[in-house]
Amino acid sequence: MIELEIRIERENWRDIADIAIAKSLDAPDRTAPARGGKTCFSGQIYLVNHVTGQIAKTMEPTVIVGSDGAIITAYPGGKGLP
């Protein structure tokens, strides 16, 4: 799945991860409390096929942040937060 996204965007996986994390934290579409004082952030991103110019895939990555503001984990998701 990640390889497909890299081919679509012509970026390496870390660039896509950075974009996804930044979107989820800077302009989340949804937030929710998580266990242990953590917060879950989710924000929709679009992966564009640069050959056709069309949106090839929509993803909703999720980022879990601790009470101290540190990122604990981030994953590509699919449906985002419930």
C-alpha atoms as a PDB file:
ATOM      1  CA  MET A   1       0.000   0.000   0.000  1.00  0.00           C
ATOM      2  CA  ILE A   2       2.751   2.475   0.918  1.00  0.00           C
ATOM      3  CA  GLU A   3       4.608   1.654  -2.324  1.00  0.00           C
ATOM      4  CA  LEU A   4       1.503   2.551  -4.350  1.00  0.00           C
ATOM      5  CA  GLU A   5       1.202   5.861  -2.534  1.00  0.00           C
ATOM      6  CA  ILE A   6       4.857   6.644  -3.188  1.00  0.00           C
ATOM      7  CA  ARG A   7       4.431   5.953  -6.910  1.00  0.00           C
ATOM      8  CA  ILE A   8       1.311   8.139  -7.036  1.00  0.00           C
ATOM      9  CA  GLU A   9       2.931  11.116  -5.328  1.00  0.00           C
ATOM     10  CA  ARG A  10       6.495  10.646  -6.642  1.00  0.00           C
ATOM     11  CA  GLU A  11       7.764  11.226  -3.118  1.00  0.00           C
ATOM     12  CA  ASN A  12       9.532   8.973  -0.658  1.00  0.00           C
ATOM     13  CA  TRP A  13       7.559   7.448   2.197  1.00  0.00           C
ATOM     14  CA  ARG A  14       8.988   9.853   4.775  1.00  0.00           C
ATOM     15  CA  ASP A  15       7.863  12.909   2.794  1.00  0.00           C
ATOM     16  CA  ILE A  16       4.320  11.535   2.624  1.00  0.00           C
ATOM     17  CA  ALA A  17       4.414  10.699   6.349  1.00  0.00           C
ATOM     18  CA  ASP A  18       5.580  14.233   7.198  1.00  0.00           C
ATOM     19  CA  ILE A  19       2.800  15.763   5.096  1.00  0.00           C
ATOM     20  CA  ALA A  20       0.204  13.484   6.700  1.00  0.00           C
ATOM     21  CA  ILE A  21       1.394  14.198  10.248  1.00  0.00           C
ATOM     22  CA  ALA A  22       1.510  17.952   9.629  1.00  0.00           C
ATOM     23  CA  LYS A  23      -2.036  17.972   8.214  1.00  0.00           C
ATOM     24  CA  SER A  24      -3.402  15.900  11.085  1.00  0.00           C
ATOM     25  CA  LEU A  25      -1.846  18.154  13.720  1.00  0.00           C
ATOM     26  CA  ASP A  26      -2.098  21.585  12.069  1.00  0.00           C
ATOM     27  CA  ALA A  27      -5.611  21.288  10.642  1.00  0.00           C
ATOM     28  CA  PRO A  28      -7.283  18.156  12.009  1.00  0.00           C
ATOM     29  CA  ASP A  29     -10.663  17.168  10.643  1.00  0.00           C
ATOM     30  CA  ARG A  30     -11.347  15.300  13.882  1.00  0.00           C
ATOM     31  CA  THR A  31      -9.851  14.942  17.335  1.00  0.00           C
ATOM     32  CA  ALA A  32     -10.730  12.540  20.122  1.00  0.00           C
ATOM     33  CA  PRO A  33      -9.410  11.718  23.577  1.00  0.00           C
ATOM     34  CA  ALA A  34      -7.438   8.491  23.912  1.00  0.00           C
ATOM     35  CA  ARG A  35      -6.553   6.450  26.993  1.00  0.00           C
ATOM     36  CA  GLY A  36      -3.916   7.721  29.391  1.00  0.00           C
ATOM     37  CA  GLY A  37      -4.399  11.412  28.676  1.00  0.00           C
ATOM     38  CA  LYS A  38      -3.452  11.049  25.010  1.00  0.00           C
ATOM     39  CA  THR A  39      -5.196  12.759  22.107  1.00  0.00           C
ATOM     40  CA  CYS A  40      -5.921  11.308  18.680  1.00  0.00           C
ATOM     41  CA  PHE A  41      -5.821  13.626  15.648  1.00  0.00           C
ATOM     42  CA  SER A  42      -6.988  12.764  12.137  1.00  0.00           C
ATOM     43  CA  GLY A  43      -6.947  14.783   8.923  1.00  0.00           C
ATOM     44  CA  GLN A  44      -7.811  13.839   5.374  1.00  0.00           C
ATOM     45  CA  ILE A  45      -5.133  14.067   2.664  1.00  0.00           C
ATOM     46  CA  TYR A  46      -5.307  13.499  -1.076  1.00  0.00           C
ATOM     47  CA  LEU A  47      -2.702  11.645  -3.096  1.00  0.00           C
ATOM     48  CA  VAL A  48      -2.532  12.944  -6.643  1.00  0.00           C
ATOM     49  CA  ASN A  49      -1.478  11.066  -9.756  1.00  0.00           C
ATOM     50  CA  HIS A  50       0.917  13.592 -11.281  1.00  0.00           C
ATOM     51  CA  VAL A  51       0.524  12.061 -14.747  1.00  0.00           C
ATOM     52  CA  THR A  52      -3.258  12.520 -14.911  1.00  0.00           C
ATOM     53  CA  GLY A  53      -3.629  15.303 -12.345  1.00  0.00           C
ATOM     54  CA  GLN A  54      -6.461  13.344 -10.729  1.00  0.00           C
ATOM     55  CA  ILE A  55      -6.885  12.424  -7.082  1.00  0.00           C
ATOM     56  CA  ALA A  56      -5.809   8.791  -6.987  1.00  0.00           C
ATOM     57  CA  LYS A  57      -6.468   8.089  -3.335  1.00  0.00           C
ATOM     58  CA  THR A  58      -7.870   9.724  -0.231  1.00  0.00           C
ATOM     59  CA  MET A  59      -6.372   8.804   3.130  1.00  0.00           C
ATOM     60  CA  GLU A  60      -7.147   9.789   6.687  1.00  0.00           C
ATOM     61  CA  PRO A  61      -3.945   9.371   8.690  1.00  0.00           C
ATOM     62  CA  THR A  62      -4.125   9.262  12.463  1.00  0.00           C
ATOM     63  CA  VAL A  63      -1.620  10.708  14.944  1.00  0.00           C
ATOM     64  CA  ILE A  64      -1.596   9.912  18.670  1.00  0.00           C
ATOM     65  CA  VAL A  65      -0.059  12.612  20.892  1.00  0.00           C
ATOM     66  CA  GLY A  66       0.815  12.313  24.577  1.00  0.00           C
ATOM     67  CA  SER A  67      -0.242  14.781  27.255  1.00  0.00           C
ATOM     68  CA  ASP A  68       3.207  16.387  26.941  1.00  0.00           C
ATOM     69  CA  GLY A  69       2.598  17.125  23.231  1.00  0.00           C
ATOM     70  CA  ALA A  70       5.046  14.495  21.943  1.00  0.00           C
ATOM     71  CA  ILE A  71       3.962  12.315  19.020  1.00  0.00           C
ATOM     72  CA  ILE A  72       3.636   8.744  20.229  1.00  0.00           C
ATOM     73  CA  THR A  73       2.686   7.129  16.926  1.00  0.00           C
ATOM     74  CA  ALA A  74       1.237   7.893  13.518  1.00  0.00           C
ATOM     75  CA  TYR A  75      -0.279   5.540  10.975  1.00  0.00           C
ATOM     76  CA  PRO A  76      -1.813   5.881   7.520  1.00  0.00           C
ATOM     77  CA  GLY A  77      -5.260   4.881   8.692  1.00  0.00           C
ATOM     78  CA  GLY A  78      -8.034   4.641   6.195  1.00  0.00           C
ATOM     79  CA  LYS A  79     -11.187   5.592   8.005  1.00  0.00           C
ATOM     80  CA  GLY A  80      -9.546   7.837  10.576  1.00  0.00           C
ATOM     81  CA  LEU A  81     -11.240   8.286  13.927  1.00  0.00           C
ATOM     82  CA  PRO A  82     -14.554   6.613  14.631  1.00  0.00           C
END
